[in-house]
PDB file of N, CA and C in Angstrom:
ATOM      1  N   UNK A   1     -38.618   0.459 -26.852  1.00  0.00           N
ATOM      2  CA  UNK A   1     -38.971   1.276 -25.708  1.00  0.00           C
ATOM      3  C   UNK A   1     -38.009   0.994 -24.546  1.00  0.00           C
ATOM      4  N   UNK A   2     -37.674  -0.268 -24.304  1.00  0.00           N
ATOM      5  CA  UNK A   2     -36.763  -0.609 -23.213  1.00  0.00           C
ATOM      6  C   UNK A   2     -35.378  -0.004 -23.435  1.00  0.00           C
ATOM      7  N   UNK A   3     -34.922   0.022 -24.681  1.00  0.00           N
ATOM      8  CA  UNK A   3     -33.618   0.603 -24.990  1.00  0.00           C
ATOM      9  C   UNK A   3     -33.594   2.097 -24.675  1.00  0.00           C
ATOM     10  N   UNK A   4     -34.683   2.783 -24.968  1.00  0.00           N
ATOM     11  CA  UNK A   4     -34.750   4.219 -24.696  1.00  0.00           C
ATOM     12  C   UNK A   4     -34.674   4.478 -23.194  1.00  0.00           C
ATOM     13  N   UNK A   5     -35.352   3.684 -22.392  1.00  0.00           N
ATOM     14  CA  UNK A   5     -35.315   3.858 -20.938  1.00  0.00           C
ATOM     15  C   UNK A   5     -33.914   3.575 -20.396  1.00  0.00           C
ATOM     16  N   UNK A   6     -33.271   2.552 -20.947  1.00  0.00           N
ATOM     17  CA  UNK A   6     -31.929   2.207 -20.524  1.00  0.00           C
ATOM     18  C   UNK A   6     -30.945   3.327 -20.848  1.00  0.00           C
ATOM     19  N   UNK A   7     -31.047   3.906 -22.025  1.00  0.00           N
ATOM     20  CA  UNK A   7     -30.170   5.005 -22.407  1.00  0.00           C
ATOM     21  C   UNK A   7     -30.406   6.236 -21.548  1.00  0.00           C
ATOM     22  N   UNK A   8     -31.644   6.539 -21.246  1.00  0.00           N
ATOM     23  CA  UNK A   8     -31.957   7.695 -20.412  1.00  0.00           C
ATOM     24  C   UNK A   8     -31.450   7.498 -18.982  1.00  0.00           C
ATOM     25  N   UNK A   9     -31.635   6.318 -18.446  1.00  0.00           N
ATOM     26  CA  UNK A   9     -31.203   6.043 -17.082  1.00  0.00           C
ATOM     27  C   UNK A   9     -29.677   6.065 -16.984  1.00  0.00           C
ATOM     28  N   UNK A  10     -28.991   5.554 -17.983  1.00  0.00           N
ATOM     29  CA  UNK A  10     -27.535   5.532 -17.990  1.00  0.00           C
ATOM     30  C   UNK A  10     -26.931   6.913 -18.153  1.00  0.00           C
ATOM     31  N   UNK A  11     -27.634   7.814 -18.810  1.00  0.00           N
ATOM     32  CA  UNK A  11     -27.135   9.166 -19.024  1.00  0.00           C
ATOM     33  C   UNK A  11     -27.270  10.063 -17.811  1.00  0.00           C
ATOM     34  N   UNK A  12     -28.001   9.670 -16.818  1.00  0.00           N
ATOM     35  CA  UNK A  12     -28.239  10.505 -15.637  1.00  0.00           C
ATOM     36  C   UNK A  12     -27.312  10.164 -14.477  1.00  0.00           C
ATOM     37  N   UNK A  13     -26.393   9.271 -14.664  1.00  0.00           N
ATOM     38  CA  UNK A  13     -25.529   8.837 -13.569  1.00  0.00           C
ATOM     39  C   UNK A  13     -24.260   9.681 -13.580  1.00  0.00           C
ATOM     40  N   UNK A  14     -23.969  10.322 -12.440  1.00  0.00           N
ATOM     41  CA  UNK A  14     -22.733  11.083 -12.280  1.00  0.00           C
ATOM     42  C   UNK A  14     -21.735  10.215 -11.511  1.00  0.00           C
ATOM     43  N   UNK A  15     -20.497  10.135 -11.987  1.00  0.00           N
ATOM     44  CA  UNK A  15     -19.515   9.322 -11.270  1.00  0.00           C
ATOM     45  C   UNK A  15     -19.217   9.933  -9.907  1.00  0.00           C
ATOM     46  N   UNK A  16     -19.023   9.073  -8.914  1.00  0.00           N
ATOM     47  CA  UNK A  16     -18.696   9.512  -7.559  1.00  0.00           C
ATOM     48  C   UNK A  16     -17.184   9.579  -7.433  1.00  0.00           C
ATOM     49  N   UNK A  17     -16.679  10.750  -7.144  1.00  0.00           N
ATOM     50  CA  UNK A  17     -15.237  10.950  -6.974  1.00  0.00           C
ATOM     51  C   UNK A  17     -14.994  11.624  -5.625  1.00  0.00           C
ATOM     52  N   UNK A  18     -14.818  10.817  -4.571  1.00  0.00           N
ATOM     53  CA  UNK A  18     -14.575  11.414  -3.249  1.00  0.00           C
ATOM     54  C   UNK A  18     -13.249  12.166  -3.233  1.00  0.00           C
ATOM     55  N   UNK A  19     -13.102  13.121  -2.316  1.00  0.00           N
ATOM     56  CA  UNK A  19     -11.863  13.902  -2.276  1.00  0.00           C
ATOM     57  C   UNK A  19     -10.616  13.058  -2.038  1.00  0.00           C
ATOM     58  N   UNK A  20     -10.757  11.885  -1.450  1.00  0.00           N
ATOM     59  CA  UNK A  20      -9.600  11.032  -1.179  1.00  0.00           C
ATOM     60  C   UNK A  20      -8.924  10.553  -2.451  1.00  0.00           C
ATOM     61  N   UNK A  21      -9.646  10.511  -3.570  1.00  0.00           N
ATOM     62  CA  UNK A  21      -9.060  10.035  -4.826  1.00  0.00           C
ATOM     63  C   UNK A  21      -7.941  10.962  -5.275  1.00  0.00           C
ATOM     64  N   UNK A  22      -8.107  12.247  -5.096  1.00  0.00           N
ATOM     65  CA  UNK A  22      -7.111  13.217  -5.545  1.00  0.00           C
ATOM     66  C   UNK A  22      -6.294  13.780  -4.389  1.00  0.00           C
ATOM     67  N   UNK A  23      -6.397  13.200  -3.230  1.00  0.00           N
ATOM     68  CA  UNK A  23      -5.705  13.706  -2.049  1.00  0.00           C
ATOM     69  C   UNK A  23      -4.192  13.618  -2.231  1.00  0.00           C
ATOM     70  N   UNK A  24      -3.463  14.687  -1.910  1.00  0.00           N
ATOM     71  CA  UNK A  24      -2.009  14.665  -2.070  1.00  0.00           C
ATOM     72  C   UNK A  24      -1.279  14.026  -0.889  1.00  0.00           C
ATOM     73  N   UNK A  25      -1.988  13.512   0.102  1.00  0.00           N
ATOM     74  CA  UNK A  25      -1.346  12.942   1.281  1.00  0.00           C
ATOM     75  C   UNK A  25      -0.490  11.736   0.920  1.00  0.00           C
ATOM     76  N   UNK A  26       0.601  11.588   1.631  1.00  0.00           N
ATOM     77  CA  UNK A  26       1.517  10.474   1.408  1.00  0.00           C
ATOM     78  C   UNK A  26       1.827   9.847   2.764  1.00  0.00           C
ATOM     79  N   UNK A  27       1.048   8.846   3.125  1.00  0.00           N
ATOM     80  CA  UNK A  27       1.210   8.185   4.414  1.00  0.00           C
ATOM     81  C   UNK A  27       2.135   6.987   4.280  1.00  0.00           C
ATOM     82  N   UNK A  28       2.854   6.687   5.360  1.00  0.00           N
ATOM     83  CA  UNK A  28       3.742   5.526   5.365  1.00  0.00           C
ATOM     84  C   UNK A  28       2.923   4.258   5.543  1.00  0.00           C
ATOM     85  N   UNK A  29       3.204   3.251   4.714  1.00  0.00           N
ATOM     86  CA  UNK A  29       2.543   1.954   4.799  1.00  0.00           C
ATOM     87  C   UNK A  29       3.591   0.924   5.202  1.00  0.00           C
ATOM     88  N   UNK A  30       3.333   0.216   6.303  1.00  0.00           N
ATOM     89  CA  UNK A  30       4.243  -0.812   6.796  1.00  0.00           C
ATOM     90  C   UNK A  30       3.559  -2.158   6.619  1.00  0.00           C
ATOM     91  N   UNK A  31       4.180  -3.032   5.843  1.00  0.00           N
ATOM     92  CA  UNK A  31       3.595  -4.336   5.544  1.00  0.00           C
ATOM     93  C   UNK A  31       4.691  -5.383   5.714  1.00  0.00           C
ATOM     94  N   UNK A  32       4.394  -6.439   6.449  1.00  0.00           N
ATOM     95  CA  UNK A  32       5.434  -7.437   6.585  1.00  0.00           C
ATOM     96  C   UNK A  32       5.080  -8.594   7.486  1.00  0.00           C
ATOM     97  N   UNK A  33       6.102  -9.428   7.711  1.00  0.00           N
ATOM     98  CA  UNK A  33       5.958 -10.635   8.513  1.00  0.00           C
ATOM     99  C   UNK A  33       7.212 -10.796   9.352  1.00  0.00           C
ATOM    100  N   UNK A  34       7.032 -10.920  10.654  1.00  0.00           N
ATOM    101  CA  UNK A  34       8.156 -11.091  11.583  1.00  0.00           C
ATOM    102  C   UNK A  34       8.134 -12.516  12.096  1.00  0.00           C
ATOM    103  N   UNK A  35       9.203 -13.262  11.827  1.00  0.00           N
ATOM    104  CA  UNK A  35       9.283 -14.669  12.228  1.00  0.00           C
ATOM    105  C   UNK A  35      10.403 -14.814  13.249  1.00  0.00           C
ATOM    106  N   UNK A  36      10.080 -15.309  14.439  1.00  0.00           N
ATOM    107  CA  UNK A  36      11.070 -15.438  15.515  1.00  0.00           C
ATOM    108  C   UNK A  36      11.809 -16.771  15.505  1.00  0.00           C
ATOM    109  N   UNK A  37      11.499 -17.647  14.590  1.00  0.00           N
ATOM    110  CA  UNK A  37      12.174 -18.945  14.535  1.00  0.00           C
ATOM    111  C   UNK A  37      13.643 -18.760  14.152  1.00  0.00           C
ATOM    112  N   UNK A  38      14.539 -19.566  14.730  1.00  0.00           N
ATOM    113  CA  UNK A  38      15.965 -19.456  14.388  1.00  0.00           C
ATOM    114  C   UNK A  38      16.201 -19.653  12.892  1.00  0.00           C
ATOM    115  N   UNK A  39      16.942 -18.740  12.285  1.00  0.00           N
ATOM    116  CA  UNK A  39      17.259 -18.824  10.864  1.00  0.00           C
ATOM    117  C   UNK A  39      16.146 -18.365   9.936  1.00  0.00           C
ATOM    118  N   UNK A  40      15.035 -17.934  10.493  1.00  0.00           N
ATOM    119  CA  UNK A  40      13.905 -17.499   9.661  1.00  0.00           C
ATOM    120  C   UNK A  40      14.165 -16.102   9.094  1.00  0.00           C
ATOM    121  N   UNK A  41      13.461 -15.792   8.043  1.00  0.00           N
ATOM    122  CA  UNK A  41      13.578 -14.495   7.391  1.00  0.00           C
ATOM    123  C   UNK A  41      12.391 -13.613   7.754  1.00  0.00           C
ATOM    124  N   UNK A  42      12.680 -12.398   8.171  1.00  0.00           N
ATOM    125  CA  UNK A  42      11.647 -11.406   8.451  1.00  0.00           C
ATOM    126  C   UNK A  42      11.622 -10.430   7.291  1.00  0.00           C
ATOM    127  N   UNK A  43      10.441 -10.150   6.775  1.00  0.00           N
ATOM    128  CA  UNK A  43      10.296  -9.244   5.646  1.00  0.00           C
ATOM    129  C   UNK A  43       9.358  -8.111   6.022  1.00  0.00           C
ATOM    130  N   UNK A  44       9.843  -6.889   5.918  1.00  0.00           N
ATOM    131  CA  UNK A  44       9.034  -5.697   6.151  1.00  0.00           C
ATOM    132  C   UNK A  44       9.172  -4.824   4.912  1.00  0.00           C
ATOM    133  N   UNK A  45       8.061  -4.409   4.353  1.00  0.00           N
ATOM    134  CA  UNK A  45       8.072  -3.526   3.192  1.00  0.00           C
ATOM    135  C   UNK A  45       7.519  -2.171   3.607  1.00  0.00           C
ATOM    136  N   UNK A  46       8.232  -1.119   3.251  1.00  0.00           N
ATOM    137  CA  UNK A  46       7.793   0.239   3.517  1.00  0.00           C
ATOM    138  C   UNK A  46       7.487   0.914   2.185  1.00  0.00           C
ATOM    139  N   UNK A  47       6.333   1.499   2.087  1.00  0.00           N
ATOM    140  CA  UNK A  47       5.965   2.228   0.874  1.00  0.00           C
ATOM    141  C   UNK A  47       5.118   3.428   1.269  1.00  0.00           C
ATOM    142  N   UNK A  48       4.693   4.183   0.304  1.00  0.00           N
ATOM    143  CA  UNK A  48       3.864   5.363   0.531  1.00  0.00           C
ATOM    144  C   UNK A  48       2.528   5.196  -0.164  1.00  0.00           C
ATOM    145  N   UNK A  49       1.498   5.789   0.442  1.00  0.00           N
ATOM    146  CA  UNK A  49       0.179   5.765  -0.197  1.00  0.00           C
ATOM    147  C   UNK A  49       0.223   6.634  -1.443  1.00  0.00           C
ATOM    148  N   UNK A  50      -0.766   6.421  -2.292  1.00  0.00           N
ATOM    149  CA  UNK A  50      -0.866   7.213  -3.509  1.00  0.00           C
ATOM    150  C   UNK A  50      -2.328   7.387  -3.873  1.00  0.00           C
ATOM    151  N   UNK A  51      -2.581   8.268  -4.795  1.00  0.00           N
ATOM    152  CA  UNK A  51      -3.943   8.508  -5.244  1.00  0.00           C
ATOM    153  C   UNK A  51      -4.477   7.288  -5.980  1.00  0.00           C
ATOM    154  N   UNK A  52      -5.778   7.058  -5.865  1.00  0.00           N
ATOM    155  CA  UNK A  52      -6.381   5.895  -6.527  1.00  0.00           C
ATOM    156  C   UNK A  52      -6.254   5.972  -8.041  1.00  0.00           C
ATOM    157  N   UNK A  53      -6.172   7.168  -8.580  1.00  0.00           N
ATOM    158  CA  UNK A  53      -6.097   7.332 -10.031  1.00  0.00           C
ATOM    159  C   UNK A  53      -4.682   7.094 -10.572  1.00  0.00           C
ATOM    160  N   UNK A  54      -3.666   7.016  -9.714  1.00  0.00           N
ATOM    161  CA  UNK A  54      -2.292   6.786 -10.171  1.00  0.00           C
ATOM    162  C   UNK A  54      -2.138   5.374 -10.716  1.00  0.00           C
ATOM    163  N   UNK A  55      -1.579   5.276 -11.901  1.00  0.00           N
ATOM    164  CA  UNK A  55      -1.397   3.970 -12.538  1.00  0.00           C
ATOM    165  C   UNK A  55      -0.065   3.328 -12.154  1.00  0.00           C
ATOM    166  N   UNK A  56       0.880   4.123 -11.680  1.00  0.00           N
ATOM    167  CA  UNK A  56       2.207   3.579 -11.344  1.00  0.00           C
ATOM    168  C   UNK A  56       2.167   2.805 -10.022  1.00  0.00           C
ATOM    169  N   UNK A  57       3.189   1.999  -9.810  1.00  0.00           N
ATOM    170  CA  UNK A  57       3.298   1.225  -8.566  1.00  0.00           C
ATOM    171  C   UNK A  57       3.611   2.178  -7.411  1.00  0.00           C
ATOM    172  N   UNK A  58       3.200   1.826  -6.192  1.00  0.00           N
ATOM    173  CA  UNK A  58       3.510   2.688  -5.046  1.00  0.00           C
ATOM    174  C   UNK A  58       5.023   2.865  -4.881  1.00  0.00           C
ATOM    175  N   UNK A  59       5.415   4.036  -4.421  1.00  0.00           N
ATOM    176  CA  UNK A  59       6.823   4.345  -4.218  1.00  0.00           C
ATOM    177  C   UNK A  59       7.344   3.647  -2.963  1.00  0.00           C
ATOM    178  N   UNK A  60       8.458   2.949  -3.113  1.00  0.00           N
ATOM    179  CA  UNK A  60       9.079   2.269  -1.966  1.00  0.00           C
ATOM    180  C   UNK A  60       9.813   3.298  -1.123  1.00  0.00           C
ATOM    181  N   UNK A  61       9.752   3.122   0.170  1.00  0.00           N
ATOM    182  CA  UNK A  61      10.475   3.989   1.110  1.00  0.00           C
ATOM    183  C   UNK A  61      11.824   3.325   1.359  1.00  0.00           C
ATOM    184  N   UNK A  62      12.901   4.023   1.079  1.00  0.00           N
ATOM    185  CA  UNK A  62      14.243   3.447   1.223  1.00  0.00           C
ATOM    186  C   UNK A  62      15.035   4.203   2.287  1.00  0.00           C
ATOM    187  N   UNK A  63      16.132   3.603   2.681  1.00  0.00           N
ATOM    188  CA  UNK A  63      17.066   4.173   3.657  1.00  0.00           C
ATOM    189  C   UNK A  63      16.416   4.423   5.011  1.00  0.00           C
ATOM    190  N   UNK A  64      15.431   3.628   5.353  1.00  0.00           N
ATOM    191  CA  UNK A  64      14.776   3.737   6.658  1.00  0.00           C
ATOM    192  C   UNK A  64      15.493   2.834   7.661  1.00  0.00           C
ATOM    193  N   UNK A  65      15.448   3.210   8.906  1.00  0.00           N
ATOM    194  CA  UNK A  65      15.982   2.366   9.973  1.00  0.00           C
ATOM    195  C   UNK A  65      14.777   1.729  10.658  1.00  0.00           C
ATOM    196  N   UNK A  66      14.688   0.411  10.574  1.00  0.00           N
ATOM    197  CA  UNK A  66      13.544  -0.311  11.126  1.00  0.00           C
ATOM    198  C   UNK A  66      14.020  -1.179  12.283  1.00  0.00           C
ATOM    199  N   UNK A  67      13.403  -0.984  13.440  1.00  0.00           N
ATOM    200  CA  UNK A  67      13.692  -1.827  14.594  1.00  0.00           C
ATOM    201  C   UNK A  67      12.381  -2.392  15.119  1.00  0.00           C
ATOM    202  N   UNK A  68      12.469  -3.578  15.662  1.00  0.00           N
ATOM    203  CA  UNK A  68      11.309  -4.252  16.255  1.00  0.00           C
ATOM    204  C   UNK A  68      11.661  -4.533  17.711  1.00  0.00           C
ATOM    205  N   UNK A  69      10.758  -4.165  18.610  1.00  0.00           N
ATOM    206  CA  UNK A  69      10.982  -4.386  20.035  1.00  0.00           C
ATOM    207  C   UNK A  69       9.947  -5.371  20.555  1.00  0.00           C
ATOM    208  N   UNK A  70      10.418  -6.395  21.255  1.00  0.00           N
ATOM    209  CA  UNK A  70       9.527  -7.418  21.798  1.00  0.00           C
ATOM    210  C   UNK A  70       8.935  -6.958  23.128  1.00  0.00           C
ATOM    211  N   UNK A  71       7.995  -7.722  23.617  1.00  0.00           N
ATOM    212  CA  UNK A  71       7.383  -7.433  24.918  1.00  0.00           C
ATOM    213  C   UNK A  71       8.410  -7.566  26.045  1.00  0.00           C
ATOM    214  N   UNK A  72       9.479  -8.334  25.798  1.00  0.00           N
ATOM    215  CA  UNK A  72      10.539  -8.530  26.788  1.00  0.00           C
ATOM    216  C   UNK A  72      11.681  -7.532  26.588  1.00  0.00           C
ATOM    217  N   UNK A  73      11.440  -6.506  25.785  1.00  0.00           N
ATOM    218  CA  UNK A  73      12.409  -5.434  25.511  1.00  0.00           C
ATOM    219  C   UNK A  73      13.595  -5.871  24.665  1.00  0.00           C
ATOM    220  N   UNK A  74      13.494  -7.014  23.968  1.00  0.00           N
ATOM    221  CA  UNK A  74      14.525  -7.392  23.006  1.00  0.00           C
ATOM    222  C   UNK A  74      14.339  -6.510  21.770  1.00  0.00           C
ATOM    223  N   UNK A  75      15.444  -5.983  21.226  1.00  0.00           N
ATOM    224  CA  UNK A  75      15.381  -5.096  20.072  1.00  0.00           C
ATOM    225  C   UNK A  75      16.067  -5.769  18.883  1.00  0.00           C
ATOM    226  N   UNK A  76      15.380  -5.778  17.749  1.00  0.00           N
ATOM    227  CA  UNK A  76      15.892  -6.350  16.506  1.00  0.00           C
ATOM    228  C   UNK A  76      15.970  -5.228  15.478  1.00  0.00           C
ATOM    229  N   UNK A  77      17.150  -5.009  14.921  1.00  0.00           N
ATOM    230  CA  UNK A  77      17.328  -4.004  13.874  1.00  0.00           C
ATOM    231  C   UNK A  77      17.397  -4.736  12.541  1.00  0.00           C
ATOM    232  N   UNK A  78      16.583  -4.311  11.601  1.00  0.00           N
ATOM    233  CA  UNK A  78      16.530  -4.970  10.296  1.00  0.00           C
ATOM    234  C   UNK A  78      17.440  -4.266   9.304  1.00  0.00           C
ATOM    235  N   UNK A  79      18.003  -5.037   8.385  1.00  0.00           N
ATOM    236  CA  UNK A  79      18.861  -4.489   7.335  1.00  0.00           C
ATOM    237  C   UNK A  79      18.044  -4.326   6.052  1.00  0.00           C
ATOM    238  N   UNK A  80      18.325  -3.253   5.330  1.00  0.00           N
ATOM    239  CA  UNK A  80      17.624  -3.016   4.066  1.00  0.00           C
ATOM    240  C   UNK A  80      18.164  -3.945   2.997  1.00  0.00           C
ATOM    241  N   UNK A  81      17.265  -4.458   2.191  1.00  0.00           N
ATOM    242  CA  UNK A  81      17.643  -5.319   1.086  1.00  0.00           C
ATOM    243  C   UNK A  81      16.744  -5.049  -0.099  1.00  0.00           C
ATOM    244  N   UNK A  82      16.994  -5.762  -1.152  1.00  0.00           N
ATOM    245  CA  UNK A  82      16.154  -5.627  -2.337  1.00  0.00           C
ATOM    246  C   UNK A  82      15.509  -6.954  -2.632  1.00  0.00           C
ATOM    247  N   UNK A  83      14.370  -6.893  -3.247  1.00  0.00           N
ATOM    248  CA  UNK A  83      13.651  -8.106  -3.620  1.00  0.00           C
ATOM    249  C   UNK A  83      13.087  -7.894  -5.009  1.00  0.00           C
ATOM    250  N   UNK A  84      13.240  -8.876  -5.842  1.00  0.00           N
ATOM    251  CA  UNK A  84      12.732  -8.801  -7.200  1.00  0.00           C
ATOM    252  C   UNK A  84      11.375  -9.461  -7.240  1.00  0.00           C
ATOM    253  N   UNK A  85      10.378  -8.737  -7.724  1.00  0.00           N
ATOM    254  CA  UNK A  85       9.036  -9.288  -7.882  1.00  0.00           C
ATOM    255  C   UNK A  85       8.826  -9.658  -9.339  1.00  0.00           C
ATOM    256  N   UNK A  86       8.431 -10.870  -9.587  1.00  0.00           N
ATOM    257  CA  UNK A  86       8.139 -11.325 -10.953  1.00  0.00           C
ATOM    258  C   UNK A  86       6.632 -11.328 -11.117  1.00  0.00           C
ATOM    259  N   UNK A  87       6.172 -10.597 -12.081  1.00  0.00           N
ATOM    260  CA  UNK A  87       4.717 -10.490 -12.301  1.00  0.00           C
ATOM    261  C   UNK A  87       4.332 -11.062 -13.621  1.00  0.00           C
TER     262      UNK A  87
END
């Protein structure tokens, strides 16, 4: 009897798929760390959002010009580089 109730209850559940899952929007994502110490490395990663159902890795944004401005109006221009991720 318990198995029958479990099967009936499980069959009545509809998956929730909000419109954002299939949304075609592609927003810029800025992720990184800015270190002001002398000789330190600053890393900023630019990528694009993607649908939750996409199995591929997010697309990297390339050829962007990235500058950082301090509260004292100092401007830092970052150079594009590549980084290998080992998974």
